[in-house]
N, C-alpha and C. Protein backbone atom coordinates (compact mmCIF):
# COMPACT_ATOMS: atom_id res chain seq x y z
N MET A 1 137.58 -95.64 -60.03
CA MET A 1 137.63 -96.75 -60.85
C MET A 1 138.94 -97.38 -60.68
N GLN A 2 139.60 -97.13 -60.08
CA GLN A 2 141.05 -97.44 -59.97
C GLN A 2 141.29 -97.65 -58.22
N THR A 3 142.25 -98.87 -58.36
CA THR A 3 143.05 -99.10 -57.14
C THR A 3 144.47 -98.92 -57.44
N GLY A 4 144.67 -97.66 -57.41
CA GLY A 4 146.23 -97.45 -57.54
C GLY A 4 146.89 -97.66 -58.76
N ARG A 5 145.72 -97.67 -59.93
CA ARG A 5 146.08 -97.55 -61.28
C ARG A 5 145.56 -96.64 -61.66
N PRO A 6 146.44 -95.90 -63.33
CA PRO A 6 145.72 -94.92 -63.77
C PRO A 6 144.18 -94.80 -64.41
N SER A 7 143.55 -94.08 -63.95
CA SER A 7 141.96 -94.25 -64.64
C SER A 7 141.68 -94.46 -65.97
N THR A 8 142.66 -94.10 -66.73
CA THR A 8 142.58 -94.70 -68.32
C THR A 8 142.54 -96.21 -68.41
N GLN A 9 143.24 -96.79 -67.70
CA GLN A 9 143.29 -98.07 -67.95
C GLN A 9 141.93 -99.20 -67.42
N PRO A 10 141.28 -99.56 -67.96
CA PRO A 10 140.34 -100.42 -68.17
C PRO A 10 140.11 -101.41 -66.61
N VAL A 11 138.87 -101.91 -66.31
CA VAL A 11 139.11 -102.28 -65.15
C VAL A 11 138.42 -103.60 -65.58
N SER A 12 138.92 -104.80 -64.96
CA SER A 12 138.54 -106.36 -65.22
C SER A 12 136.84 -106.45 -64.52
N GLY A 13 136.01 -107.48 -65.03
CA GLY A 13 135.00 -107.67 -64.60
C GLY A 13 135.34 -108.33 -63.49
N ASP A 14 136.33 -109.54 -63.32
CA ASP A 14 136.74 -109.89 -62.29
C ASP A 14 137.15 -109.38 -61.03
N ALA A 15 137.96 -108.22 -61.36
CA ALA A 15 138.45 -107.15 -60.28
C ALA A 15 137.01 -106.29 -59.65
N LEU A 16 136.50 -106.15 -60.32
CA LEU A 16 135.46 -105.32 -60.03
C LEU A 16 134.41 -106.10 -59.23
N LEU A 17 134.06 -107.37 -59.80
CA LEU A 17 133.17 -108.37 -58.47
C LEU A 17 134.02 -108.00 -57.05
N GLY A 18 135.26 -108.83 -57.48
CA GLY A 18 135.99 -108.95 -56.08
C GLY A 18 136.05 -108.08 -55.05
N VAL A 19 135.82 -106.79 -55.67
CA VAL A 19 135.99 -105.48 -54.67
C VAL A 19 134.05 -105.21 -54.25
N LEU A 20 133.50 -105.42 -55.27
CA LEU A 20 132.00 -105.73 -54.67
C LEU A 20 131.50 -106.59 -53.81
N HIS A 21 131.97 -107.89 -53.94
CA HIS A 21 131.75 -108.91 -52.89
C HIS A 21 132.79 -108.23 -51.61
N ALA A 22 133.70 -107.92 -51.88
CA ALA A 22 134.71 -107.70 -50.59
C ALA A 22 133.60 -106.95 -49.57
N LEU A 23 133.00 -105.17 -50.40
CA LEU A 23 132.42 -104.44 -49.38
C LEU A 23 131.03 -105.08 -48.95
N ALA A 24 130.46 -105.97 -49.40
CA ALA A 24 129.03 -106.64 -49.55
C ALA A 24 128.79 -107.14 -48.10
N ASN A 25 130.02 -107.08 -47.29
CA ASN A 25 129.68 -107.58 -45.88
C ASN A 25 129.60 -106.66 -45.05
N PRO A 26 128.93 -106.27 -43.96
CA PRO A 26 129.00 -105.80 -42.87
C PRO A 26 130.47 -105.58 -41.76
N HIS A 27 130.80 -106.64 -41.86
CA HIS A 27 132.02 -106.83 -40.95
C HIS A 27 133.27 -106.17 -41.41
N ARG A 28 133.30 -106.18 -43.11
CA ARG A 28 134.27 -105.77 -43.67
C ARG A 28 134.19 -104.64 -43.72
N LEU A 29 132.85 -103.70 -44.19
CA LEU A 29 132.80 -102.48 -44.17
C LEU A 29 133.20 -101.86 -42.60
N ARG A 30 132.91 -102.47 -41.39
CA ARG A 30 133.25 -101.87 -40.15
C ARG A 30 134.84 -102.02 -40.17
N VAL A 31 135.43 -102.97 -40.71
CA VAL A 31 136.91 -103.03 -40.56
C VAL A 31 137.39 -101.81 -41.56
N LEU A 32 136.98 -101.61 -42.45
CA LEU A 32 137.66 -100.70 -43.49
C LEU A 32 137.36 -99.17 -42.66
N GLY A 33 135.80 -99.05 -42.10
CA GLY A 33 135.90 -97.88 -41.32
C GLY A 33 136.89 -97.48 -40.71
N VAL A 34 137.30 -98.69 -39.62
CA VAL A 34 138.26 -98.56 -38.38
C VAL A 34 139.57 -98.36 -39.12
N LEU A 35 139.95 -98.77 -40.13
CA LEU A 35 141.17 -98.79 -40.53
C LEU A 35 141.81 -97.57 -41.27
N VAL A 36 140.51 -96.67 -41.69
CA VAL A 36 140.59 -95.18 -42.34
C VAL A 36 141.16 -94.43 -41.30
N GLN A 37 140.90 -94.59 -40.24
CA GLN A 37 141.41 -93.63 -39.12
C GLN A 37 143.22 -94.09 -38.74
N GLY A 38 143.57 -95.03 -39.32
CA GLY A 38 144.77 -95.25 -38.83
C GLY A 38 145.17 -96.93 -38.65
N ARG A 39 146.07 -97.12 -39.33
CA ARG A 39 146.85 -98.72 -39.32
C ARG A 39 146.51 -99.40 -37.92
N LYS A 40 146.22 -100.67 -37.77
CA LYS A 40 146.14 -101.14 -36.77
C LYS A 40 146.78 -102.52 -36.57
N TYR A 41 146.98 -103.17 -35.98
CA TYR A 41 147.29 -104.85 -36.02
C TYR A 41 146.31 -105.38 -35.13
N VAL A 42 146.56 -106.71 -35.61
CA VAL A 42 145.03 -107.46 -35.79
C VAL A 42 144.45 -107.63 -34.43
N SER A 43 145.31 -108.21 -33.18
CA SER A 43 144.58 -108.07 -32.20
C SER A 43 143.87 -106.64 -31.53
N GLU A 44 144.52 -105.39 -31.75
CA GLU A 44 143.91 -104.62 -31.33
C GLU A 44 142.46 -104.20 -32.36
N LEU A 45 142.47 -104.47 -33.82
CA LEU A 45 141.62 -104.40 -34.41
C LEU A 45 140.22 -105.26 -33.97
N ALA A 46 140.58 -106.55 -33.62
CA ALA A 46 139.63 -107.22 -33.14
C ALA A 46 138.82 -106.94 -31.86
N ARG A 47 139.86 -106.30 -30.97
CA ARG A 47 139.14 -105.58 -29.39
C ARG A 47 138.17 -104.58 -29.91
N GLU A 48 138.76 -103.59 -30.79
CA GLU A 48 138.07 -102.58 -31.23
C GLU A 48 136.77 -102.90 -32.09
N LEU A 49 136.82 -103.98 -32.72
CA LEU A 49 135.29 -104.42 -33.22
C LEU A 49 134.60 -105.42 -32.82
N GLN A 50 135.33 -105.92 -31.72
CA GLN A 50 134.52 -107.29 -31.06
C GLN A 50 134.19 -108.13 -31.53
N ILE A 51 135.19 -108.65 -32.32
CA ILE A 51 135.17 -109.80 -33.40
C ILE A 51 136.40 -110.96 -32.80
N SER A 52 136.11 -111.94 -33.18
CA SER A 52 137.22 -113.09 -32.71
C SER A 52 138.53 -112.77 -34.12
N ARG A 53 139.74 -113.06 -33.16
CA ARG A 53 140.83 -112.92 -34.25
C ARG A 53 140.34 -113.84 -35.40
N PRO A 54 140.19 -115.08 -35.35
CA PRO A 54 139.81 -115.93 -36.36
C PRO A 54 139.02 -115.42 -37.38
N LEU A 55 137.96 -114.86 -37.34
CA LEU A 55 137.12 -114.25 -38.12
C LEU A 55 137.55 -112.90 -38.79
N LEU A 56 138.00 -112.29 -37.91
CA LEU A 56 138.58 -111.28 -38.44
C LEU A 56 139.73 -111.36 -39.63
N GLN A 57 140.69 -112.51 -39.09
CA GLN A 57 141.87 -112.74 -40.31
C GLN A 57 140.77 -112.62 -41.73
N ILE A 58 139.89 -113.72 -41.65
CA ILE A 58 138.98 -114.21 -42.87
C ILE A 58 138.68 -112.91 -43.35
N HIS A 59 138.00 -111.92 -42.96
CA HIS A 59 137.42 -110.85 -43.32
C HIS A 59 138.79 -109.91 -43.97
N LEU A 60 139.65 -109.76 -43.33
CA LEU A 60 140.85 -109.29 -43.69
C LEU A 60 141.67 -109.63 -44.56
N ARG A 61 141.51 -111.08 -45.06
CA ARG A 61 141.88 -112.02 -46.33
C ARG A 61 141.46 -111.35 -47.42
N LYS A 62 140.07 -111.19 -47.22
CA LYS A 62 139.31 -111.07 -48.38
C LYS A 62 139.29 -109.50 -48.97
N LEU A 63 139.68 -108.60 -47.89
CA LEU A 63 139.68 -107.21 -48.58
C LEU A 63 141.22 -107.11 -49.01
N GLU A 64 142.06 -107.79 -48.49
CA GLU A 64 143.46 -107.85 -48.87
C GLU A 64 143.49 -108.47 -50.46
N GLN A 65 142.86 -109.36 -50.61
CA GLN A 65 142.72 -109.78 -51.99
C GLN A 65 141.80 -109.40 -53.15
N ALA A 66 141.25 -107.91 -52.28
CA ALA A 66 140.40 -107.36 -53.52
C ALA A 66 140.89 -106.25 -53.80
N GLY A 67 142.19 -105.89 -53.10
CA GLY A 67 143.06 -104.47 -53.04
C GLY A 67 142.51 -103.67 -52.17
N LEU A 68 141.90 -103.80 -51.40
CA LEU A 68 141.43 -102.48 -50.16
C LEU A 68 142.16 -102.55 -49.15
N VAL A 69 142.75 -103.58 -48.93
CA VAL A 69 143.61 -103.11 -47.64
C VAL A 69 145.15 -103.73 -47.81
N SER A 70 146.16 -103.53 -47.05
CA SER A 70 147.32 -104.17 -47.10
C SER A 70 148.07 -104.31 -45.74
N SER A 71 148.66 -105.44 -45.95
CA SER A 71 149.41 -105.65 -44.71
C SER A 71 150.91 -105.64 -44.51
N ALA A 72 151.55 -105.59 -43.38
CA ALA A 72 152.91 -105.82 -42.91
C ALA A 72 153.33 -106.18 -41.80
N LEU A 73 154.57 -107.14 -41.64
CA LEU A 73 154.66 -107.56 -40.68
C LEU A 73 155.87 -107.25 -39.93
N GLU A 74 155.66 -106.69 -38.54
CA GLU A 74 156.44 -105.95 -37.89
C GLU A 74 156.75 -106.55 -36.56
N LEU A 75 158.13 -106.44 -36.19
CA LEU A 75 158.62 -106.98 -34.73
C LEU A 75 158.09 -105.95 -33.89
N SER A 76 157.43 -106.43 -32.40
CA SER A 76 157.28 -105.28 -31.40
C SER A 76 158.57 -105.36 -30.82
N PRO A 77 158.62 -104.23 -29.94
CA PRO A 77 159.99 -104.37 -29.03
C PRO A 77 160.12 -105.14 -27.92
N ASP A 78 159.64 -106.06 -27.87
CA ASP A 78 160.00 -107.16 -27.11
C ASP A 78 159.97 -108.70 -28.03
N GLY A 79 160.01 -108.48 -29.36
CA GLY A 79 160.53 -109.37 -30.14
C GLY A 79 159.39 -110.44 -30.94
N LYS A 80 158.02 -110.23 -30.77
CA LYS A 80 156.82 -110.31 -31.07
C LYS A 80 156.33 -110.03 -32.39
N SER A 81 156.09 -111.13 -33.26
CA SER A 81 155.66 -110.47 -34.61
C SER A 81 154.44 -110.21 -34.68
N MET A 82 154.08 -108.85 -35.60
CA MET A 82 152.72 -108.41 -35.15
C MET A 82 152.71 -108.05 -36.56
N LYS A 83 151.25 -108.36 -36.92
CA LYS A 83 150.71 -107.85 -38.44
C LYS A 83 149.73 -106.79 -38.51
N PHE A 84 150.03 -105.53 -38.94
CA PHE A 84 149.33 -104.58 -39.24
C PHE A 84 148.79 -104.06 -40.63
N TYR A 85 147.57 -103.72 -40.56
CA TYR A 85 146.51 -103.46 -41.74
C TYR A 85 146.47 -102.23 -41.74
N ASP A 86 146.36 -101.82 -43.05
CA ASP A 86 145.90 -100.34 -43.34
C ASP A 86 145.17 -100.52 -44.67
N VAL A 87 144.56 -99.41 -44.84
CA VAL A 87 143.58 -99.27 -46.02
C VAL A 87 144.53 -98.87 -47.22
N THR A 88 144.20 -99.33 -48.33
CA THR A 88 145.00 -98.94 -49.06
C THR A 88 144.05 -98.07 -50.30
N PRO A 89 144.90 -96.73 -50.65
CA PRO A 89 144.16 -95.84 -51.11
C PRO A 89 143.62 -96.41 -52.34
N PHE A 90 142.01 -96.26 -52.39
CA PHE A 90 141.26 -96.85 -53.58
C PHE A 90 140.11 -95.40 -54.04
N CYS A 91 139.68 -95.73 -55.35
CA CYS A 91 138.57 -94.87 -55.56
C CYS A 91 137.80 -95.64 -56.75
N TRP A 92 136.67 -95.83 -56.64
CA TRP A 92 135.81 -96.68 -57.84
C TRP A 92 134.73 -95.39 -57.80
N ASN A 93 134.66 -95.21 -59.32
CA ASN A 93 133.74 -94.34 -59.81
C ASN A 93 132.70 -95.25 -60.52
N LEU A 94 131.57 -95.91 -60.01
CA LEU A 94 130.77 -96.93 -60.36
C LEU A 94 129.77 -96.15 -61.69
N THR A 95 130.02 -96.61 -62.99
CA THR A 95 129.04 -96.07 -63.92
C THR A 95 128.57 -96.81 -64.74
N PRO A 96 127.50 -96.72 -65.60
CA PRO A 96 126.97 -97.55 -66.35
C PRO A 96 128.28 -98.13 -67.39
N GLU A 97 129.21 -97.12 -68.03
CA GLU A 97 130.50 -97.61 -68.67
C GLU A 97 131.25 -98.38 -67.85
N LEU A 98 131.33 -97.88 -67.04
CA LEU A 98 132.22 -98.57 -66.33
C LEU A 98 131.72 -100.44 -66.30
N ILE A 99 130.59 -100.14 -65.71
CA ILE A 99 130.21 -102.20 -65.68
C ILE A 99 130.30 -102.56 -66.71
N ALA A 100 129.71 -101.97 -68.07
CA ALA A 100 129.98 -102.60 -69.71
C ALA A 100 131.02 -102.89 -69.98
N THR A 101 131.77 -102.11 -69.53
CA THR A 101 133.51 -102.63 -69.71
C THR A 101 133.95 -103.71 -68.85
N ALA A 102 133.53 -103.57 -67.69
CA ALA A 102 133.90 -104.61 -67.10
C ALA A 102 133.14 -106.47 -66.95
N ALA A 103 132.05 -106.09 -67.49
CA ALA A 103 131.28 -107.07 -67.71
C ALA A 103 131.51 -107.68 -69.13
N ALA A 104 132.24 -107.16 -70.05
CA ALA A 104 132.78 -107.82 -71.05
C ALA A 104 134.02 -108.85 -70.67
N THR A 105 134.50 -108.27 -69.55
CA THR A 105 135.72 -109.30 -69.32
C THR A 105 135.18 -110.34 -68.06
N VAL A 106 134.45 -110.25 -67.71
CA VAL A 106 134.38 -111.20 -66.64
C VAL A 106 134.14 -112.74 -66.89
N THR A 107 134.89 -113.39 -66.05
CA THR A 107 135.32 -114.80 -65.89
C THR A 107 133.68 -115.66 -65.55
N ILE A 108 133.08 -116.56 -66.43
CA ILE A 108 131.75 -117.02 -66.24
C ILE A 108 132.42 -118.50 -65.62
N PRO A 109 131.97 -118.75 -64.79
CA PRO A 109 132.34 -120.15 -64.15
C PRO A 109 131.97 -121.25 -65.08
N ASP A 110 132.43 -122.33 -65.52
CA ASP A 110 131.93 -123.68 -66.21
C ASP A 110 131.25 -124.23 -65.77
N ASN A 111 129.87 -124.51 -65.74
CA ASN A 111 128.73 -124.94 -64.86
C ASN A 111 128.16 -126.27 -65.47
N LYS A 112 129.62 -127.12 -65.88
CA LYS A 112 129.33 -128.37 -66.78
C LYS A 112 128.31 -129.37 -65.77
N GLY A 113 127.28 -129.74 -66.01
CA GLY A 113 126.55 -130.93 -65.05
C GLY A 113 125.47 -130.27 -64.17
N GLY A 114 126.16 -128.73 -63.96
CA GLY A 114 125.13 -128.11 -62.73
C GLY A 114 123.79 -127.76 -63.17
N ASN A 115 122.95 -127.00 -62.60
CA ASN A 115 121.96 -126.46 -62.93
C ASN A 115 121.95 -125.14 -63.49
N GLU A 116 121.14 -125.75 -64.63
CA GLU A 116 121.23 -124.69 -65.71
C GLU A 116 120.43 -123.38 -65.47
N ASN A 117 120.10 -123.19 -64.61
CA ASN A 117 118.96 -122.09 -63.87
C ASN A 117 119.65 -121.30 -63.00
N GLY A 118 121.04 -121.49 -62.90
CA GLY A 118 122.08 -120.83 -62.28
C GLY A 118 121.92 -120.27 -61.16
């Protein structure tokens, strides 16, 4: 249930949706699978996953927004800026009670003038 916060603190519906959305993509699952083995810089990760750096950056941004990975800029010995990513420790215990608590706080977008069928 947590992403670095005590388990007694309720989770917001929006935070839960962000995590579930981030995990609902096979590329992002693969990114997490590689990063569990240790931190990597973007180019190294792109080569290992065999995807383009721009596409990888999109997936890393979504994972970071969901609090599942973190990044740090470092300088290489030759002075180049390198962005490293690492998995942020997390544990989500999905239970009916967690879903009910989160559902009570989820933000529903205003659909004025939109399709009422959702």
